[in-house]
Amino acid sequence: MQWQGRQGSENVEDRRGQGGSSGGFSGNFGGNLGGLLGGKGCGCGGGIGTIIVILVLWLMGVNPLTLLQLSSELPTQQTQTGEYQSSAEEDSMMRFSEVVLKLTEDVWTDIFNQMGKTYRKPTLVFYTQGTQSGCGVADAAVGPFYCSADEKIYLDLSFFNQMATQFHAGGDFAYAYVIAHEVGHHVQKLLGTLDQVNAQMARSSKTVANELSVRLELQADFYAGVWANHTDSQFHILDPGDIEAALNAASQIGDDTLQKETQGYIQPDSFTHGTSKQRYTWFNKGYKTGDISYGDTFSANPL
């Protein structure tokens, strides 16, 4: 992805080094790892298997907002002391993320204009270990997430390194897909989908709520694909293999793949983000069509 030299977004907050881990998460296995699944009754313990699961909590059978609500009731996070020292690699990834956010702003502003609507830009918050969000205390173990209460995307940049090393899903456009997926949730918020579905989930059984969550996440994947289509056609900055990298990332973080790797068996009723095939298919559909009218995952059969 040819991102160097491009303008970055101004809608960012750099909170790196301003906060520590919340006392409510058991363990700290490095980076954005933590014993988060234990709070959901996973019974996974704190071993190496848990570490693998935790890396992708934002895309697994765990609702980040629920976890944030739980963490807000826990002891106040500790404050880091001293000046934060970032690496050159981390600073480069921050600049990269700012460029990606700007590309999402340009694309979605155009799409919303074509619909006669106004695109309200989200804010991207960079943090380490923990920070306060409109949805509660954000621990790095939660991974990248979007909070609809304050319309901000929260990102600990170490997550990208873990994608590459633990899940073999590295590459610039794989990381761009992560940001574009969270922006997809912001698009859902602006279009009214997110609030409507969240309200329906609150009234539903766990099984039905999980199915609705899958459809919500698959639509965010679809919107990420739509963004990739317009970015490719408008700016011509994608390199050969970029789309394949994003598709690989979508496939690597399917619920079925993660469950099989971490617990050895698959529980379809517990899926909240979709199978590898579903995630791959809906991102690819968004990229191939570039048209949000094809992204109704709620009336379609995503299975």
Protein backbone atom coordinates (compact mmCIF):
# COMPACT_ATOMS: atom_id res chain seq x y z
CA MET A 1 0.00 0.00 0.00
CA GLN A 2 1.52 3.28 -1.10
CA TRP A 3 0.66 5.40 1.90
CA GLN A 4 3.91 7.26 2.56
CA GLY A 5 3.73 10.98 1.86
CA ARG A 6 -0.07 11.08 1.94
CA GLN A 7 -1.99 13.41 4.24
CA GLY A 8 -3.12 12.00 7.54
CA SER A 9 -6.32 12.72 9.41
CA GLU A 10 -6.46 15.45 12.02
CA ASN A 11 -9.19 13.62 13.91
CA VAL A 12 -6.83 11.75 16.20
CA GLU A 13 -5.89 11.73 19.87
CA ASP A 14 -2.52 10.47 21.07
CA ARG A 15 -2.94 9.13 24.59
CA ARG A 16 0.00 6.75 24.47
CA GLY A 17 1.66 6.49 27.84
CA GLN A 18 -1.12 8.27 29.69
CA GLY A 19 -2.70 5.27 31.36
CA GLY A 20 -2.07 1.79 32.72
CA SER A 21 -3.94 -1.48 32.80
CA SER A 22 -7.21 -1.69 34.67
CA GLY A 23 -6.98 -3.77 37.80
CA GLY A 24 -10.00 -5.76 36.69
CA PHE A 25 -8.24 -7.89 34.10
CA SER A 26 -6.35 -10.88 35.42
CA GLY A 27 -2.81 -11.10 34.25
CA ASN A 28 -0.86 -9.13 31.70
CA PHE A 29 0.78 -11.33 29.13
CA GLY A 30 2.40 -8.47 27.27
CA GLY A 31 1.19 -5.93 24.74
CA ASN A 32 -2.59 -5.91 24.59
CA LEU A 33 -2.99 -9.33 26.18
CA GLY A 34 -4.90 -9.92 29.36
CA GLY A 35 -7.12 -12.46 31.10
CA LEU A 36 -10.21 -10.97 29.57
CA LEU A 37 -12.02 -14.16 28.60
CA GLY A 38 -12.16 -15.31 32.17
CA GLY A 39 -14.65 -12.51 32.81
CA LYS A 40 -16.97 -14.12 30.30
CA GLY A 41 -16.92 -17.52 31.92
CA CYS A 42 -14.65 -19.02 29.31
CA GLY A 43 -12.82 -21.17 31.80
CA CYS A 44 -9.75 -20.95 29.58
CA GLY A 45 -7.40 -20.15 32.45
CA GLY A 46 -4.28 -18.06 32.03
CA GLY A 47 -2.13 -20.35 29.93
CA ILE A 48 -0.71 -20.00 26.44
CA GLY A 49 -4.03 -21.02 24.89
CA THR A 50 -5.67 -18.02 26.47
CA ILE A 51 -3.02 -15.74 25.02
CA ILE A 52 -3.85 -16.85 21.50
CA VAL A 53 -7.55 -16.24 22.07
CA ILE A 54 -7.11 -12.82 23.62
CA LEU A 55 -5.21 -11.43 20.65
CA VAL A 56 -8.40 -11.10 18.68
CA LEU A 57 -11.03 -10.32 21.29
CA TRP A 58 -12.38 -7.52 19.13
CA LEU A 59 -13.35 -10.13 16.51
CA MET A 60 -14.19 -13.13 18.71
CA GLY A 61 -17.20 -14.27 20.67
CA VAL A 62 -16.76 -11.46 23.16
CA ASN A 63 -18.67 -8.21 23.07
CA PRO A 64 -16.07 -5.48 23.74
CA LEU A 65 -18.71 -3.05 24.97
CA THR A 66 -19.89 -5.56 27.57
CA LEU A 67 -16.33 -6.01 28.75
CA LEU A 68 -15.83 -2.26 28.93
CA GLN A 69 -18.97 -1.88 31.00
CA LEU A 70 -17.66 -4.53 33.38
CA SER A 71 -14.27 -2.90 33.59
CA SER A 72 -15.79 0.47 34.44
CA GLU A 73 -16.95 -1.05 37.74
CA LEU A 74 -13.45 -2.25 38.60
CA PRO A 75 -10.60 -0.44 40.38
CA THR A 76 -9.39 2.73 38.76
CA GLN A 77 -6.51 2.23 36.35
CA GLN A 78 -3.03 3.11 37.47
CA THR A 79 -1.22 6.01 35.89
CA GLN A 80 2.10 5.56 34.16
CA THR A 81 4.94 7.72 35.34
CA GLY A 82 7.66 9.27 33.24
CA GLU A 83 7.64 10.34 29.63
CA TYR A 84 6.42 7.72 27.19
CA GLN A 85 9.12 6.51 24.82
CA SER A 86 7.75 5.23 21.52
CA SER A 87 9.78 3.35 18.95
CA ALA A 88 10.34 4.52 15.39
CA GLU A 89 8.29 1.54 14.20
CA GLU A 90 5.38 2.49 16.44
CA ASP A 91 5.48 6.11 15.30
CA SER A 92 5.46 4.91 11.68
CA MET A 93 2.41 2.74 12.34
CA MET A 94 0.71 5.71 13.95
CA ARG A 95 1.31 7.83 10.86
CA PHE A 96 0.08 4.94 8.71
CA SER A 97 -3.13 4.70 10.76
CA GLU A 98 -3.69 8.44 10.41
CA VAL A 99 -3.38 8.13 6.63
CA VAL A 100 -5.81 5.21 6.55
CA LEU A 101 -8.30 7.17 8.65
CA LYS A 102 -8.02 10.11 6.25
CA LEU A 103 -8.70 7.75 3.32
CA THR A 104 -11.82 6.47 5.07
CA GLU A 105 -12.94 10.05 5.66
CA ASP A 106 -12.52 10.94 1.98
CA VAL A 107 -14.31 7.82 0.73
CA TRP A 108 -17.23 7.86 3.14
CA THR A 109 -17.74 11.61 2.78
CA ASP A 110 -18.20 11.06 -0.96
CA ILE A 111 -20.52 8.09 -0.48
CA PHE A 112 -22.68 9.94 2.06
CA ASN A 113 -22.82 12.99 -0.21
CA GLN A 114 -24.16 10.78 -3.00
CA MET A 115 -26.90 9.64 -0.61
CA GLY A 116 -27.73 13.23 0.32
CA LYS A 117 -26.31 12.73 3.80
CA THR A 118 -23.48 14.25 5.81
CA TYR A 119 -20.64 12.06 7.02
CA ARG A 120 -19.59 12.88 10.57
CA LYS A 121 -15.96 11.90 11.03
CA PRO A 122 -14.98 9.65 13.93
CA THR A 123 -11.91 10.19 16.09
CA LEU A 124 -9.09 7.64 16.29
CA VAL A 125 -7.58 7.34 19.77
CA PHE A 126 -4.12 5.83 20.16
CA TYR A 127 -3.40 4.48 23.62
CA THR A 128 -1.26 2.01 25.52
CA GLN A 129 -2.38 -0.37 28.26
CA GLY A 130 -5.57 1.47 29.12
CA THR A 131 -7.61 4.63 28.75
CA GLN A 132 -11.08 6.00 29.42
CA SER A 133 -13.69 5.75 26.68
CA GLY A 134 -17.31 6.79 26.46
CA CYS A 135 -18.18 3.11 26.92
CA GLY A 136 -16.09 2.59 30.05
CA VAL A 137 -12.47 1.90 30.88
CA ALA A 138 -10.68 0.59 27.79
CA ASP A 139 -8.03 -2.02 28.50
CA ALA A 140 -5.59 -2.91 25.74
CA ALA A 141 -6.71 -6.53 26.07
CA VAL A 142 -9.98 -5.55 24.41
CA GLY A 143 -8.16 -4.83 21.16
CA PRO A 144 -9.31 -2.27 18.57
CA PHE A 145 -12.93 -1.26 19.05
CA TYR A 146 -15.46 1.42 18.21
CA CYS A 147 -17.45 3.16 20.94
CA SER A 148 -20.71 4.58 19.62
CA ALA A 149 -21.23 6.70 22.75
CA ASP A 150 -18.34 9.02 21.88
CA GLU A 151 -17.93 8.03 18.21
CA LYS A 152 -14.29 7.15 18.71
CA ILE A 153 -12.14 4.24 17.59
CA TYR A 154 -9.64 2.99 20.16
CA LEU A 155 -6.40 1.37 19.05
CA ASP A 156 -3.30 0.05 20.77
CA LEU A 157 -0.77 -0.14 17.93
CA SER A 158 0.88 -3.27 19.34
CA PHE A 159 -2.15 -5.16 18.04
CA PHE A 160 -0.78 -4.93 14.50
CA ASN A 161 2.44 -6.65 15.50
CA GLN A 162 0.47 -9.42 17.15
CA MET A 163 -1.63 -9.88 14.03
CA ALA A 164 1.54 -10.52 12.06
CA THR A 165 3.38 -12.70 14.54
CA GLN A 166 0.57 -14.73 16.08
CA PHE A 167 -1.97 -14.99 13.30
CA HIS A 168 0.11 -14.65 10.15
CA ALA A 169 -2.17 -11.83 9.05
CA GLY A 170 0.35 -9.05 8.57
CA GLY A 171 0.72 -6.43 5.88
CA ASP A 172 -0.26 -2.79 5.51
CA PHE A 173 -3.64 -3.48 4.00
CA ALA A 174 -4.44 -6.14 6.57
CA TYR A 175 -3.93 -3.46 9.22
CA ALA A 176 -5.93 -0.99 7.14
CA TYR A 177 -8.76 -3.54 7.11
CA VAL A 178 -8.81 -3.46 10.92
CA ILE A 179 -9.34 0.30 10.95
CA ALA A 180 -11.80 0.18 8.04
CA HIS A 181 -13.85 -2.47 9.90
CA GLU A 182 -14.16 -0.22 12.95
CA VAL A 183 -15.05 2.72 10.72
CA GLY A 184 -17.70 0.40 9.28
CA HIS A 185 -19.31 0.32 12.71
CA HIS A 186 -19.27 4.11 12.71
CA VAL A 187 -21.06 4.07 9.36
CA GLN A 188 -23.65 1.77 10.94
CA LYS A 189 -24.06 4.28 13.77
CA LEU A 190 -24.64 7.17 11.36
CA LEU A 191 -27.13 5.17 9.31
CA GLY A 192 -29.05 4.12 12.44
CA THR A 193 -28.29 0.42 12.06
CA LEU A 194 -26.06 0.07 15.10
CA ASP A 195 -28.49 1.50 17.65
CA GLN A 196 -31.41 -0.41 16.17
CA VAL A 197 -29.63 -3.76 16.25
CA ASN A 198 -28.15 -3.20 19.71
CA ALA A 199 -31.66 -2.47 21.03
CA GLN A 200 -32.96 -5.64 19.41
CA MET A 201 -30.08 -7.66 20.85
CA ALA A 202 -30.88 -6.40 24.35
CA ARG A 203 -34.41 -7.82 24.03
CA SER A 204 -33.31 -11.16 22.58
CA SER A 205 -32.08 -14.47 23.87
CA LYS A 206 -28.34 -15.09 23.85
CA THR A 207 -28.60 -17.27 20.73
CA VAL A 208 -30.56 -14.67 18.80
CA ALA A 209 -28.33 -11.85 20.05
CA ASN A 210 -25.27 -13.75 18.84
CA GLU A 211 -26.83 -14.18 15.40
CA LEU A 212 -27.60 -10.46 15.22
CA SER A 213 -24.03 -9.69 16.30
CA VAL A 214 -22.71 -11.86 13.46
CA ARG A 215 -24.82 -9.98 10.94
CA LEU A 216 -23.67 -6.64 12.36
CA GLU A 217 -20.01 -7.64 12.15
CA LEU A 218 -20.34 -9.05 8.65
CA GLN A 219 -21.86 -5.78 7.51
CA ALA A 220 -18.87 -3.92 8.99
CA ASP A 221 -16.64 -6.28 6.99
CA PHE A 222 -18.70 -5.50 3.90
CA TYR A 223 -18.32 -1.75 4.47
CA ALA A 224 -14.57 -2.26 4.84
CA GLY A 225 -14.64 -3.93 1.42
CA VAL A 226 -16.63 -1.04 -0.06
CA TRP A 227 -14.01 1.34 1.28
CA ALA A 228 -11.23 -0.77 -0.27
CA ASN A 229 -13.00 -0.62 -3.64
CA HIS A 230 -13.28 3.16 -3.63
CA THR A 231 -9.77 3.63 -2.28
CA ASP A 232 -8.42 1.46 -5.08
CA SER A 233 -10.39 3.23 -7.83
CA GLN A 234 -9.99 6.80 -6.56
CA PHE A 235 -6.43 6.91 -5.28
CA HIS A 236 -4.66 4.01 -7.04
CA ILE A 237 -2.41 3.34 -4.06
CA LEU A 238 -2.96 -0.38 -3.62
CA ASP A 239 -0.14 -2.75 -4.46
CA PRO A 240 -0.52 -6.29 -5.84
CA GLY A 241 -1.41 -8.53 -2.94
CA ASP A 242 -3.02 -5.85 -0.77
CA ILE A 243 -6.56 -7.12 -1.18
CA GLU A 244 -5.35 -10.68 -0.67
CA ALA A 245 -3.74 -9.57 2.61
CA ALA A 246 -7.04 -8.10 3.81
CA LEU A 247 -8.95 -11.21 2.73
CA ASN A 248 -6.44 -13.37 4.57
CA ALA A 249 -6.88 -11.30 7.72
CA ALA A 250 -10.67 -11.62 7.47
CA SER A 251 -10.31 -15.37 7.07
CA GLN A 252 -7.83 -15.82 9.92
CA ILE A 253 -10.15 -14.21 12.47
CA GLY A 254 -13.33 -16.13 11.78
CA ASP A 255 -15.04 -17.51 14.87
CA ASP A 256 -14.73 -21.11 13.68
CA THR A 257 -11.01 -20.83 12.96
CA LEU A 258 -10.28 -19.18 16.30
CA GLN A 259 -12.35 -21.64 18.30
CA LYS A 260 -10.76 -24.62 16.61
CA GLU A 261 -7.27 -23.28 17.29
CA THR A 262 -7.91 -22.31 20.90
CA GLN A 263 -10.31 -24.91 22.25
CA GLY A 264 -10.11 -27.69 19.67
CA TYR A 265 -13.79 -27.67 18.72
CA ILE A 266 -16.38 -25.33 17.21
CA GLN A 267 -19.52 -23.95 18.87
CA PRO A 268 -21.67 -22.30 16.15
CA ASP A 269 -24.23 -20.98 18.65
CA SER A 270 -21.52 -18.89 20.30
CA PHE A 271 -20.38 -17.19 17.08
CA THR A 272 -20.62 -13.39 17.27
CA HIS A 273 -18.49 -12.27 14.32
CA GLY A 274 -18.96 -14.94 11.66
CA THR A 275 -17.00 -17.81 10.22
CA SER A 276 -13.82 -17.38 8.22
CA LYS A 277 -15.78 -18.04 5.04
CA GLN A 278 -18.45 -15.50 5.93
CA ARG A 279 -15.97 -12.77 6.79
CA TYR A 280 -13.97 -13.43 3.65
CA THR A 281 -17.13 -13.50 1.53
CA TRP A 282 -18.65 -10.27 2.82
CA PHE A 283 -15.44 -8.25 2.66
CA ASN A 284 -14.90 -9.55 -0.87
CA LYS A 285 -18.50 -8.72 -1.82
CA GLY A 286 -18.02 -5.15 -0.62
CA TYR A 287 -14.79 -4.87 -2.58
CA LYS A 288 -16.24 -6.35 -5.75
CA THR A 289 -19.42 -4.25 -5.78
CA GLY A 290 -18.32 -1.02 -4.08
CA ASP A 291 -22.02 -0.40 -3.48
CA ILE A 292 -23.43 -0.26 0.05
CA SER A 293 -26.89 -1.27 -1.21
CA TYR A 294 -25.59 -4.83 -1.48
CA GLY A 295 -24.63 -4.96 2.20
CA ASP A 296 -27.91 -5.89 3.86
CA THR A 297 -26.63 -8.79 5.92
CA PHE A 298 -29.86 -8.84 7.95
CA SER A 299 -32.25 -9.88 5.20
CA ALA A 300 -29.64 -11.97 3.36
CA ASN A 301 -28.50 -15.42 4.43
CA PRO A 302 -24.87 -14.93 5.44
CA LEU A 303 -24.34 -18.58 6.32
